[in-house]
C-alpha atoms as a PDB file:
ATOM      1  CA  MET A   1      -7.071  19.080 -15.024  1.00  0.00           C
ATOM      2  CA  TRP A   2      -5.842  17.075 -18.061  1.00  0.00           C
ATOM      3  CA  ILE A   3      -8.299  15.321 -19.767  1.00  0.00           C
ATOM      4  CA  TYR A   4     -11.372  15.537 -17.010  1.00  0.00           C
ATOM      5  CA  SER A   5     -12.843  18.428 -15.184  1.00  0.00           C
ATOM      6  CA  TRP A   6     -12.390  17.783 -10.562  1.00  0.00           C
ATOM      7  CA  GLN A   7     -15.960  17.083 -10.541  1.00  0.00           C
ATOM      8  CA  GLU A   8     -15.336  14.188 -13.057  1.00  0.00           C
ATOM      9  CA  ILE A   9     -12.654  12.692 -11.827  1.00  0.00           C
ATOM     10  CA  VAL A  10     -13.790  12.951  -7.856  1.00  0.00           C
ATOM     11  CA  ILE A  11     -16.783  11.708  -9.589  1.00  0.00           C
ATOM     12  CA  MET A  12     -14.496   8.320 -11.132  1.00  0.00           C
ATOM     13  CA  THR A  13     -12.161   8.043  -7.661  1.00  0.00           C
ATOM     14  CA  ALA A  14     -15.471   7.444  -5.804  1.00  0.00           C
ATOM     15  CA  ALA A  15     -16.946   4.953  -8.286  1.00  0.00           C
ATOM     16  CA  ALA A  16     -13.679   3.670  -8.424  1.00  0.00           C
ATOM     17  CA  ILE A  17     -13.372   2.975  -4.776  1.00  0.00           C
ATOM     18  CA  VAL A  18     -16.756   1.240  -4.886  1.00  0.00           C
ATOM     19  CA  LEU A  19     -15.941  -1.340  -7.868  1.00  0.00           C
ATOM     20  CA  ASP A  20     -13.212  -2.482  -5.415  1.00  0.00           C
ATOM     21  CA  TRP A  21     -15.114  -3.344  -2.446  1.00  0.00           C
ATOM     22  CA  LEU A  22     -17.260  -5.054  -4.928  1.00  0.00           C
ATOM     23  CA  ILE A  23     -14.538  -6.997  -6.903  1.00  0.00           C
ATOM     24  CA  GLY A  24     -11.528  -6.387  -5.435  1.00  0.00           C
ATOM     25  CA  ASP A  25      -8.499  -6.677  -7.603  1.00  0.00           C
ATOM     26  CA  PRO A  26      -8.325 -10.051 -10.235  1.00  0.00           C
ATOM     27  CA  ARG A  27      -4.877 -10.831 -11.514  1.00  0.00           C
ATOM     28  CA  TRP A  28      -5.343 -10.978 -15.162  1.00  0.00           C
ATOM     29  CA  PRO A  29      -2.551 -11.627 -16.628  1.00  0.00           C
ATOM     30  CA  THR A  30      -2.956  -8.501 -18.324  1.00  0.00           C
ATOM     31  CA  HIS A  31      -3.511  -6.584 -15.847  1.00  0.00           C
ATOM     32  CA  PRO A  32      -1.285  -2.545 -15.136  1.00  0.00           C
ATOM     33  CA  VAL A  33       0.769  -3.995 -12.145  1.00  0.00           C
ATOM     34  CA  ILE A  34       2.097  -7.299 -13.326  1.00  0.00           C
ATOM     35  CA  LEU A  35       2.618  -5.430 -16.762  1.00  0.00           C
ATOM     36  CA  ILE A  36       4.905  -3.253 -14.514  1.00  0.00           C
ATOM     37  CA  GLY A  37       6.091  -5.780 -12.786  1.00  0.00           C
ATOM     38  CA  ARG A  38       7.573  -7.655 -16.162  1.00  0.00           C
ATOM     39  CA  TRP A  39       8.733  -4.289 -17.582  1.00  0.00           C
ATOM     40  CA  ILE A  40      10.640  -3.695 -13.974  1.00  0.00           C
ATOM     41  CA  ARG A  41      12.495  -7.270 -14.286  1.00  0.00           C
ATOM     42  CA  TRP A  42      13.099  -7.376 -18.317  1.00  0.00           C
ATOM     43  CA  MET A  43      14.901  -3.662 -17.001  1.00  0.00           C
ATOM     44  CA  GLU A  44      16.740  -5.085 -14.330  1.00  0.00           C
ATOM     45  CA  GLY A  45      17.783  -8.126 -16.691  1.00  0.00           C
ATOM     46  CA  LEU A  46      19.173  -5.280 -19.378  1.00  0.00           C
ATOM     47  CA  LEU A  47      20.995  -2.997 -17.122  1.00  0.00           C
ATOM     48  CA  ARG A  48      22.662  -5.372 -14.190  1.00  0.00           C
ATOM     49  CA  LYS A  49      23.602  -7.406 -17.647  1.00  0.00           C
ATOM     50  CA  LYS A  50      27.987  -6.872 -15.347  1.00  0.00           C
ATOM     51  CA  SER A  51      28.761  -5.766 -12.079  1.00  0.00           C
ATOM     52  CA  TYR A  52      29.246  -1.936 -11.909  1.00  0.00           C
ATOM     53  CA  MET A  53      30.276   0.486  -9.251  1.00  0.00           C
ATOM     54  CA  PRO A  54      28.230   1.745  -7.170  1.00  0.00           C
ATOM     55  CA  MET A  55      27.098   4.832  -8.914  1.00  0.00           C
ATOM     56  CA  ARG A  56      27.400   3.739 -12.376  1.00  0.00           C
ATOM     57  CA  GLU A  57      24.278   1.389 -10.055  1.00  0.00           C
ATOM     58  CA  LYS A  58      22.822   4.269  -9.006  1.00  0.00           C
ATOM     59  CA  LEU A  59      22.750   5.807 -12.029  1.00  0.00           C
ATOM     60  CA  ASN A  60      20.925   2.714 -13.782  1.00  0.00           C
ATOM     61  CA  GLY A  61      18.289   2.899 -10.918  1.00  0.00           C
ATOM     62  CA  VAL A  62      17.691   6.182 -12.046  1.00  0.00           C
ATOM     63  CA  LEU A  63      17.246   4.880 -15.555  1.00  0.00           C
ATOM     64  CA  LEU A  64      14.572   2.380 -14.083  1.00  0.00           C
ATOM     65  CA  THR A  65      12.821   4.142 -12.091  1.00  0.00           C
ATOM     66  CA  THR A  66      12.273   6.957 -14.314  1.00  0.00           C
ATOM     67  CA  THR A  67      11.664   5.148 -17.676  1.00  0.00           C
ATOM     68  CA  THR A  68       8.785   3.061 -15.949  1.00  0.00           C
ATOM     69  CA  ILE A  69       6.798   5.600 -14.494  1.00  0.00           C
ATOM     70  CA  ILE A  70       6.915   7.932 -17.402  1.00  0.00           C
ATOM     71  CA  ILE A  71       5.585   4.809 -19.562  1.00  0.00           C
ATOM     72  CA  SER A  72       3.220   3.573 -16.965  1.00  0.00           C
ATOM     73  CA  SER A  73       1.498   7.436 -16.959  1.00  0.00           C
ATOM     74  CA  GLY A  74       2.033   8.068 -20.059  1.00  0.00           C
ATOM     75  CA  SER A  75       0.848   4.892 -21.659  1.00  0.00           C
ATOM     76  CA  VAL A  76      -2.227   4.896 -19.368  1.00  0.00           C
ATOM     77  CA  PHE A  77      -2.776   8.622 -20.189  1.00  0.00           C
ATOM     78  CA  ILE A  78      -3.108   7.524 -24.081  1.00  0.00           C
ATOM     79  CA  LEU A  79      -5.486   4.107 -23.768  1.00  0.00           C
ATOM     80  CA  ILE A  80      -7.534   7.282 -22.259  1.00  0.00           C
ATOM     81  CA  LEU A  81      -7.765   9.585 -25.102  1.00  0.00           C
ATOM     82  CA  ALA A  82      -8.642   6.261 -27.373  1.00  0.00           C
ATOM     83  CA  ALA A  83     -11.389   5.019 -25.019  1.00  0.00           C
ATOM     84  CA  ARG A  84     -12.426   8.728 -24.773  1.00  0.00           C
ATOM     85  CA  SER A  85     -12.558   9.538 -28.744  1.00  0.00           C
ATOM     86  CA  ILE A  86     -13.986   6.438 -29.791  1.00  0.00           C
ATOM     87  CA  ASN A  87     -16.365   6.964 -27.623  1.00  0.00           C
ATOM     88  CA  GLU A  88     -17.119   9.594 -23.637  1.00  0.00           C
ATOM     89  CA  TRP A  89     -18.708   6.999 -21.781  1.00  0.00           C
ATOM     90  CA  LEU A  90     -15.847   4.057 -22.234  1.00  0.00           C
ATOM     91  CA  GLY A  91     -13.155   6.614 -21.719  1.00  0.00           C
ATOM     92  CA  TYR A  92     -14.779   7.476 -18.559  1.00  0.00           C
ATOM     93  CA  ALA A  93     -15.468   3.407 -17.744  1.00  0.00           C
ATOM     94  CA  VAL A  94     -11.386   2.981 -18.779  1.00  0.00           C
ATOM     95  CA  CYS A  95     -10.175   5.992 -16.610  1.00  0.00           C
ATOM     96  CA  THR A  96     -12.557   4.487 -13.666  1.00  0.00           C
ATOM     97  CA  TRP A  97     -11.194   1.293 -14.039  1.00  0.00           C
ATOM     98  CA  LEU A  98      -7.513   1.962 -14.024  1.00  0.00           C
ATOM     99  CA  ILE A  99      -7.919   3.780 -10.690  1.00  0.00           C
ATOM    100  CA  SER A 100      -9.528   0.884  -9.086  1.00  0.00           C
ATOM    101  CA  THR A 101      -6.520  -1.161 -10.199  1.00  0.00           C
ATOM    102  CA  THR A 102      -4.039   1.190  -8.252  1.00  0.00           C
ATOM    103  CA  ILE A 103      -6.637   0.399  -4.648  1.00  0.00           C
ATOM    104  CA  ALA A 104      -6.499  -2.970  -2.711  1.00  0.00           C
ATOM    105  CA  VAL A 105      -8.476  -2.527  -0.373  1.00  0.00           C
ATOM    106  CA  LYS A 106     -10.977  -6.021  -0.796  1.00  0.00           C
ATOM    107  CA  GLY A 107      -7.314  -7.610  -2.024  1.00  0.00           C
ATOM    108  CA  LEU A 108      -5.570  -6.629   1.271  1.00  0.00           C
ATOM    109  CA  LYS A 109      -8.114  -7.549   3.465  1.00  0.00           C
ATOM    110  CA  ASP A 110      -8.819 -11.167   1.101  1.00  0.00           C
ATOM    111  CA  ALA A 111      -5.008 -11.051   2.024  1.00  0.00           C
ATOM    112  CA  ALA A 112      -5.360 -11.125   5.430  1.00  0.00           C
ATOM    113  CA  TYR A 113      -7.959 -13.594   6.438  1.00  0.00           C
ATOM    114  CA  LEU A 114      -5.999 -15.873   4.350  1.00  0.00           C
ATOM    115  CA  VAL A 115      -4.092 -16.135   7.654  1.00  0.00           C
ATOM    116  CA  TYR A 116      -6.660 -15.120  10.104  1.00  0.00           C
ATOM    117  CA  ASN A 117      -9.209 -18.035   9.072  1.00  0.00           C
ATOM    118  CA  PRO A 118      -6.597 -21.120   9.343  1.00  0.00           C
ATOM    119  CA  LEU A 119      -5.690 -19.560  12.142  1.00  0.00           C
ATOM    120  CA  ARG A 120      -9.355 -19.490  14.077  1.00  0.00           C
ATOM    121  CA  LYS A 121      -9.358 -23.285  12.960  1.00  0.00           C
ATOM    122  CA  GLY A 122      -5.685 -23.776  14.802  1.00  0.00           C
ATOM    123  CA  GLU A 123      -4.167 -24.730  11.413  1.00  0.00           C
ATOM    124  CA  LEU A 124      -0.799 -23.113  11.780  1.00  0.00           C
ATOM    125  CA  ALA A 125       1.149 -24.839   8.977  1.00  0.00           C
ATOM    126  CA  ASP A 126      -1.466 -23.363   6.804  1.00  0.00           C
ATOM    127  CA  ALA A 127      -1.220 -20.081   8.720  1.00  0.00           C
ATOM    128  CA  ARG A 128       2.317 -19.891   8.602  1.00  0.00           C
ATOM    129  CA  LYS A 129       2.495 -20.468   4.644  1.00  0.00           C
ATOM    130  CA  TYR A 130       0.030 -18.178   3.557  1.00  0.00           C
ATOM    131  CA  THR A 131       1.735 -14.873   5.567  1.00  0.00           C
ATOM    132  CA  GLY A 132       4.790 -15.597   3.553  1.00  0.00           C
ATOM    133  CA  TYR A 133       2.493 -14.883   0.903  1.00  0.00           C
ATOM    134  CA  ILE A 134       2.724 -11.320   2.106  1.00  0.00           C
ATOM    135  CA  VAL A 135       5.400 -10.824   4.082  1.00  0.00           C
ATOM    136  CA  GLY A 136       9.308 -11.010   3.586  1.00  0.00           C
ATOM    137  CA  ARG A 137      10.067 -12.254   7.072  1.00  0.00           C
ATOM    138  CA  ASP A 138      10.644 -16.228   8.079  1.00  0.00           C
ATOM    139  CA  THR A 139       7.089 -17.837   8.937  1.00  0.00           C
ATOM    140  CA  GLU A 140       8.087 -21.420   9.619  1.00  0.00           C
ATOM    141  CA  SER A 141       8.474 -20.798  13.190  1.00  0.00           C
ATOM    142  CA  LEU A 142       5.957 -18.179  14.128  1.00  0.00           C
ATOM    143  CA  ASP A 143       3.450 -18.810  16.578  1.00  0.00           C
ATOM    144  CA  GLU A 144      -0.073 -17.450  16.558  1.00  0.00           C
ATOM    145  CA  GLU A 145       0.849 -13.818  17.688  1.00  0.00           C
ATOM    146  CA  GLU A 146       3.817 -13.412  15.746  1.00  0.00           C
ATOM    147  CA  LEU A 147       1.926 -14.350  13.065  1.00  0.00           C
ATOM    148  CA  THR A 148      -0.938 -11.714  13.920  1.00  0.00           C
ATOM    149  CA  ARG A 149       1.744  -9.390  14.125  1.00  0.00           C
ATOM    150  CA  ALA A 150       3.042  -9.965  10.453  1.00  0.00           C
ATOM    151  CA  VAL A 151      -0.591  -9.699   9.463  1.00  0.00           C
ATOM    152  CA  VAL A 152      -1.907  -6.511  11.462  1.00  0.00           C
ATOM    153  CA  GLU A 153       1.552  -4.745  10.495  1.00  0.00           C
ATOM    154  CA  THR A 154       0.524  -5.601   6.440  1.00  0.00           C
ATOM    155  CA  VAL A 155      -2.092  -4.236   6.921  1.00  0.00           C
ATOM    156  CA  ALA A 156      -1.256  -1.024   8.627  1.00  0.00           C
ATOM    157  CA  GLU A 157       1.668  -0.582   6.481  1.00  0.00           C
ATOM    158  CA  ASN A 158      -0.469  -0.395   3.042  1.00  0.00           C
ATOM    159  CA  ILE A 159      -3.251   1.911   3.940  1.00  0.00           C
ATOM    160  CA  VAL A 160      -1.000   3.883   2.654  1.00  0.00           C
ATOM    161  CA  ASP A 161       0.550   2.234  -0.556  1.00  0.00           C
ATOM    162  CA  ALA A 162      -2.358   0.276  -1.552  1.00  0.00           C
ATOM    163  CA  VAL A 163      -5.385   3.260  -0.283  1.00  0.00           C
ATOM    164  CA  ILE A 164      -4.520   6.707   0.845  1.00  0.00           C
ATOM    165  CA  SER A 165      -1.530   7.466  -1.843  1.00  0.00           C
ATOM    166  CA  PRO A 166      -3.763   5.916  -5.379  1.00  0.00           C
ATOM    167  CA  LEU A 167      -6.181   7.994  -4.462  1.00  0.00           C
ATOM    168  CA  PHE A 168      -4.692  11.081  -3.366  1.00  0.00           C
ATOM    169  CA  TYR A 169      -2.589  10.775  -6.936  1.00  0.00           C
ATOM    170  CA  ALA A 170      -6.051  10.034  -8.654  1.00  0.00           C
ATOM    171  CA  LEU A 171      -7.566  12.772  -7.358  1.00  0.00           C
ATOM    172  CA  LEU A 172      -4.750  15.140  -8.030  1.00  0.00           C
ATOM    173  CA  GLY A 173      -4.486  13.699 -12.022  1.00  0.00           C
ATOM    174  CA  GLY A 174      -7.092  10.719 -13.000  1.00  0.00           C
ATOM    175  CA  ALA A 175      -5.500   7.321 -13.862  1.00  0.00           C
ATOM    176  CA  PRO A 176      -2.259   8.811 -14.941  1.00  0.00           C
ATOM    177  CA  LEU A 177      -1.051  10.291 -11.787  1.00  0.00           C
ATOM    178  CA  ALA A 178      -2.511   6.696  -9.659  1.00  0.00           C
ATOM    179  CA  MET A 179      -0.851   5.029 -12.482  1.00  0.00           C
ATOM    180  CA  LEU A 180       2.720   6.719 -12.026  1.00  0.00           C
ATOM    181  CA  TYR A 181       2.036   6.186  -8.113  1.00  0.00           C
ATOM    182  CA  ARG A 182       1.320   2.182  -8.306  1.00  0.00           C
ATOM    183  CA  ALA A 183       4.396   1.998 -10.415  1.00  0.00           C
ATOM    184  CA  SER A 184       6.828   4.303  -8.010  1.00  0.00           C
ATOM    185  CA  ASN A 185       5.759   2.163  -4.999  1.00  0.00           C
ATOM    186  CA  THR A 186       5.881  -1.789  -7.633  1.00  0.00           C
ATOM    187  CA  LEU A 187       9.191  -0.237  -7.961  1.00  0.00           C
ATOM    188  CA  ASP A 188       9.649   0.422  -4.452  1.00  0.00           C
ATOM    189  CA  SER A 189       8.905  -4.041  -3.536  1.00  0.00           C
ATOM    190  CA  MET A 190      10.468  -5.355  -6.273  1.00  0.00           C
ATOM    191  CA  VAL A 191      14.390  -3.529  -6.090  1.00  0.00           C
ATOM    192  CA  GLY A 192      13.822  -0.972  -3.238  1.00  0.00           C
ATOM    193  CA  TYR A 193      16.120  -3.315  -0.820  1.00  0.00           C
ATOM    194  CA  ARG A 194      18.609  -2.093   1.426  1.00  0.00           C
ATOM    195  CA  ASN A 195      20.921  -6.096   0.508  1.00  0.00           C
ATOM    196  CA  ASP A 196      23.753  -6.254  -0.902  1.00  0.00           C
ATOM    197  CA  ARG A 197      21.728  -6.332  -4.502  1.00  0.00           C
ATOM    198  CA  TYR A 198      19.351  -3.867  -4.819  1.00  0.00           C
ATOM    199  CA  ARG A 199      21.915  -1.165  -2.367  1.00  0.00           C
ATOM    200  CA  HIS A 200      22.817   0.877  -5.002  1.00  0.00           C
ATOM    201  CA  PHE A 201      20.420   0.089  -7.472  1.00  0.00           C
ATOM    202  CA  GLY A 202      16.824  -0.296  -6.155  1.00  0.00           C
ATOM    203  CA  TRP A 203      18.184   3.646  -4.630  1.00  0.00           C
ATOM    204  CA  ALA A 204      16.242   5.135  -6.419  1.00  0.00           C
ATOM    205  CA  SER A 205      13.183   3.944  -6.341  1.00  0.00           C
ATOM    206  CA  ALA A 206      13.056   3.368  -3.070  1.00  0.00           C
ATOM    207  CA  ARG A 207      13.805   7.291  -1.860  1.00  0.00           C
ATOM    208  CA  TRP A 208      11.182   8.213  -4.837  1.00  0.00           C
ATOM    209  CA  ASP A 209       8.656   5.386  -2.767  1.00  0.00           C
ATOM    210  CA  ASP A 210       9.391   7.556  -0.332  1.00  0.00           C
ATOM    211  CA  ALA A 211       9.002  11.062  -1.328  1.00  0.00           C
ATOM    212  CA  MET A 212       5.742  10.167  -3.345  1.00  0.00           C
ATOM    213  CA  ASN A 213       3.943   8.779   0.211  1.00  0.00           C
ATOM    214  CA  TRP A 214       5.069  11.502   2.598  1.00  0.00           C
ATOM    215  CA  ILE A 215       1.760  13.478   2.407  1.00  0.00           C
ATOM    216  CA  PRO A 216      -0.181  10.841   2.247  1.00  0.00           C
ATOM    217  CA  ALA A 217       1.606   8.615   5.005  1.00  0.00           C
ATOM    218  CA  ARG A 218       0.593  11.649   7.435  1.00  0.00           C
ATOM    219  CA  LEU A 219      -3.279  12.196   5.523  1.00  0.00           C
ATOM    220  CA  THR A 220      -3.484   7.999   6.941  1.00  0.00           C
ATOM    221  CA  GLY A 221      -1.964   8.355  10.313  1.00  0.00           C
ATOM    222  CA  LEU A 222      -5.020  11.733  10.573  1.00  0.00           C
ATOM    223  CA  LEU A 223      -7.758   9.336   9.239  1.00  0.00           C
ATOM    224  CA  LEU A 224      -6.712   6.294  11.286  1.00  0.00           C
ATOM    225  CA  ILE A 225      -6.895   8.767  14.252  1.00  0.00           C
ATOM    226  CA  LEU A 226     -10.809   9.186  13.589  1.00  0.00           C
ATOM    227  CA  VAL A 227     -11.551   6.694  12.177  1.00  0.00           C
ATOM    228  CA  ALA A 228     -10.816   5.404  15.906  1.00  0.00           C
ATOM    229  CA  LEU A 229     -12.915   7.934  16.792  1.00  0.00           C
ATOM    230  CA  LEU A 230     -15.761   6.598  15.326  1.00  0.00           C
ATOM    231  CA  GLN A 231     -15.107   2.844  16.516  1.00  0.00           C
ATOM    232  CA  PRO A 232     -16.291   1.202  19.832  1.00  0.00           C
ATOM    233  CA  GLY A 233     -13.608  -0.464  21.522  1.00  0.00           C
ATOM    234  CA  LEU A 234     -10.643   1.404  19.839  1.00  0.00           C
ATOM    235  CA  SER A 235      -8.913   3.929  21.341  1.00  0.00           C
ATOM    236  CA  ALA A 236      -7.436   7.840  19.675  1.00  0.00           C
ATOM    237  CA  LYS A 237      -6.394   8.715  21.638  1.00  0.00           C
ATOM    238  CA  ARG A 238      -3.984   6.327  21.875  1.00  0.00           C
ATOM    239  CA  ALA A 239      -3.401   6.429  18.626  1.00  0.00           C
ATOM    240  CA  ALA A 240      -2.281  10.197  17.881  1.00  0.00           C
ATOM    241  CA  ALA A 241      -0.168   9.429  21.424  1.00  0.00           C
ATOM    242  CA  ALA A 242       1.812   6.512  19.429  1.00  0.00           C
ATOM    243  CA  ILE A 243       1.701   8.233  16.185  1.00  0.00           C
ATOM    244  CA  ARG A 244       4.579  10.903  18.304  1.00  0.00           C
ATOM    245  CA  ARG A 245       5.888   8.447  19.984  1.00  0.00           C
ATOM    246  CA  PHE A 246       7.019   5.467  18.094  1.00  0.00           C
ATOM    247  CA  ALA A 247       6.740   6.284  14.077  1.00  0.00           C
ATOM    248  CA  HIS A 248      10.153   8.339  14.117  1.00  0.00           C
ATOM    249  CA  LEU A 249      11.323   4.840  15.485  1.00  0.00           C
ATOM    250  CA  HIS A 250      10.401   2.889  11.750  1.00  0.00           C
ATOM    251  CA  PRO A 251      13.466   2.609   9.433  1.00  0.00           C
ATOM    252  CA  SER A 252      10.733   4.006   6.879  1.00  0.00           C
ATOM    253  CA  PRO A 253      10.229   7.743   7.176  1.00  0.00           C
ATOM    254  CA  ASN A 254       6.332   6.460   6.259  1.00  0.00           C
ATOM    255  CA  SER A 255       5.659   3.712   7.661  1.00  0.00           C
ATOM    256  CA  GLY A 256       6.569   4.036  11.289  1.00  0.00           C
ATOM    257  CA  ILE A 257       2.531   6.306  10.626  1.00  0.00           C
ATOM    258  CA  PRO A 258       0.308   4.176  10.437  1.00  0.00           C
ATOM    259  CA  GLU A 259       1.835   1.302  12.332  1.00  0.00           C
ATOM    260  CA  SER A 260       1.987   3.138  14.595  1.00  0.00           C
ATOM    261  CA  ALA A 261      -2.006   4.295  14.972  1.00  0.00           C
ATOM    262  CA  VAL A 262      -2.701   1.553  14.362  1.00  0.00           C
ATOM    263  CA  ALA A 263      -1.042  -0.138  17.673  1.00  0.00           C
ATOM    264  CA  GLY A 264      -2.240   2.643  19.874  1.00  0.00           C
ATOM    265  CA  ALA A 265      -5.924   2.014  18.967  1.00  0.00           C
ATOM    266  CA  LEU A 266      -5.390  -1.797  19.390  1.00  0.00           C
ATOM    267  CA  GLY A 267      -3.602  -1.340  22.531  1.00  0.00           C
ATOM    268  CA  ILE A 268      -0.935  -3.372  21.315  1.00  0.00           C
ATOM    269  CA  GLU A 269       2.555  -3.380  20.540  1.00  0.00           C
ATOM    270  CA  LEU A 270       4.092  -4.153  16.969  1.00  0.00           C
ATOM    271  CA  GLY A 271       7.553  -4.580  15.719  1.00  0.00           C
ATOM    272  CA  GLY A 272      10.333  -6.641  17.677  1.00  0.00           C
ATOM    273  CA  LEU A 273      12.383  -9.595  16.325  1.00  0.00           C
ATOM    274  CA  ASN A 274      11.897 -10.428  12.488  1.00  0.00           C
ATOM    275  CA  ILE A 275      14.168 -13.470  10.743  1.00  0.00           C
ATOM    276  CA  TYR A 276      14.936 -12.757   7.064  1.00  0.00           C
ATOM    277  CA  GLY A 277      16.993 -15.981   6.124  1.00  0.00           C
ATOM    278  CA  GLY A 278      18.249 -16.742   8.864  1.00  0.00           C
ATOM    279  CA  VAL A 279      19.196 -13.422   9.345  1.00  0.00           C
ATOM    280  CA  ARG A 280      18.097 -11.754  12.781  1.00  0.00           C
ATOM    281  CA  SER A 281      16.967  -8.557  12.293  1.00  0.00           C
ATOM    282  CA  GLU A 282      15.235  -6.065  15.353  1.00  0.00           C
ATOM    283  CA  ARG A 283      12.866  -3.636  14.307  1.00  0.00           C
ATOM    284  CA  ALA A 284      11.524  -0.612  17.060  1.00  0.00           C
ATOM    285  CA  ARG A 285       8.616  -1.571  19.020  1.00  0.00           C
ATOM    286  CA  LEU A 286       5.827   0.631  17.888  1.00  0.00           C
ATOM    287  CA  GLY A 287       2.510   0.888  20.963  1.00  0.00           C
ATOM    288  CA  TRP A 288       1.841   0.056  24.230  1.00  0.00           C
ATOM    289  CA  PRO A 289       1.326  -3.958  25.170  1.00  0.00           C
ATOM    290  CA  LEU A 290      -1.228  -3.588  27.071  1.00  0.00           C
ATOM    291  CA  ARG A 291      -2.520  -7.157  26.631  1.00  0.00           C
ATOM    292  CA  PRO A 292      -1.436  -9.762  24.663  1.00  0.00           C
ATOM    293  CA  ARG A 293      -2.431  -9.418  20.809  1.00  0.00           C
ATOM    294  CA  THR A 294      -4.388 -12.010  19.545  1.00  0.00           C
ATOM    295  CA  GLN A 295      -6.041 -13.297  16.301  1.00  0.00           C
ATOM    296  CA  GLN A 296      -8.844 -11.064  16.629  1.00  0.00           C
ATOM    297  CA  ASP A 297      -6.817  -8.406  15.959  1.00  0.00           C
ATOM    298  CA  ILE A 298      -5.863  -8.630  12.458  1.00  0.00           C
ATOM    299  CA  VAL A 299      -9.839  -8.479  12.091  1.00  0.00           C
ATOM    300  CA  TYR A 300      -9.405  -5.322  14.203  1.00  0.00           C
ATOM    301  CA  ALA A 301      -7.227  -4.398  11.750  1.00  0.00           C
ATOM    302  CA  VAL A 302      -9.323  -5.081   8.886  1.00  0.00           C
ATOM    303  CA  ARG A 303     -12.215  -3.257  10.055  1.00  0.00           C
ATOM    304  CA  MET A 304      -9.983  -0.061  10.199  1.00  0.00           C
ATOM    305  CA  LEU A 305      -8.788  -0.432   6.276  1.00  0.00           C
ATOM    306  CA  TYR A 306     -12.457  -0.252   6.325  1.00  0.00           C
ATOM    307  CA  GLY A 307     -13.317   1.738   7.950  1.00  0.00           C
ATOM    308  CA  VAL A 308     -10.908   4.825   6.753  1.00  0.00           C
ATOM    309  CA  SER A 309     -11.826   3.291   3.188  1.00  0.00           C
ATOM    310  CA  PHE A 310     -15.617   4.941   4.093  1.00  0.00           C
ATOM    311  CA  VAL A 311     -14.300   8.092   5.727  1.00  0.00           C
ATOM    312  CA  VAL A 312     -12.805   8.628   2.465  1.00  0.00           C
ATOM    313  CA  MET A 313     -15.391   8.064   0.463  1.00  0.00           C
ATOM    314  CA  GLY A 314     -18.519   9.910   2.739  1.00  0.00           C
ATOM    315  CA  GLY A 315     -15.841  12.843   2.296  1.00  0.00           C
ATOM    316  CA  LEU A 316     -16.144  12.381  -1.736  1.00  0.00           C
ATOM    317  CA  LEU A 317     -19.529  12.593  -1.173  1.00  0.00           C
ATOM    318  CA  CYS A 318     -19.670  15.897   1.080  1.00  0.00           C
ATOM    319  CA  ILE A 319     -17.738  17.874  -1.796  1.00  0.00           C
ATOM    320  CA  LEU A 320     -19.476  16.341  -4.500  1.00  0.00           C
ATOM    321  CA  LEU A 321     -22.797  17.361  -2.459  1.00  0.00           C
ATOM    322  CA  VAL A 322     -20.757  20.997  -2.750  1.00  0.00           C
ATOM    323  CA  LEU A 323     -20.386  20.841  -5.874  1.00  0.00           C
ATOM    324  CA  PHE A 324     -23.322  19.689  -7.815  1.00  0.00           C
END
């Protein structure tokens, strides 16, 4: 499998998960995702210096998507080859670190608790401010229940984007393929919007990200059902039923699966009215409102996030036992 055997890739992927659990995702200026974001902004400025017809914008968006994923994965491939040519263990270390930069279990937990901690203290102004860091909706007038919904939705959706998808591609092709996925997801988060600015230019990025997440999103649904079965107080039966009943209502072909699963497991309703730049937007309602949402649901969502990562780690360890 390209540079390393699959056994080696499994070991490095497992080590990358542990690395993320321990130190998270420090935002250094040379962090790969930051560098990818700078490249996307530079290319956007280059490709959108003047207004184009929709088809020209789409073609430029295809060019942006193609060059970004090729350069991101190719650079990682070359970097690992260079490190391995110096020392085999340096190659392992570089590959493991690069995989760890594509996942964000601890980063998601930290972002969620940045909102949860002020909520717990009754400091709504701070909770609204920090919620605004992780969602695109207006947060200035949100109450505790709506702030909780925003955070739980973010954690649930990103179990796919920040955990399962990068690990899935890491296992298929090591750090280069994991970084290809991370570049795809970064493209979607920066230009994959259905607004006037990005409707055509971001079309390719959004569709490519949907395709990359299609299998991992469905694996995530299964993993969340398993986690709900293993964790006291959660309902695996409701999680599975919610996926069947509600996931297809979400505008994304993928995000509705983890959000529905978490909503069903917790017995709460996600989705509803969001406001973006003063414009009201009604999103599909997912799950059954068996009880009001509370700040504790943020803790439960984070536990499900970690539960998924623990199940994946357990699976990798079982694979290693079989292989060795």
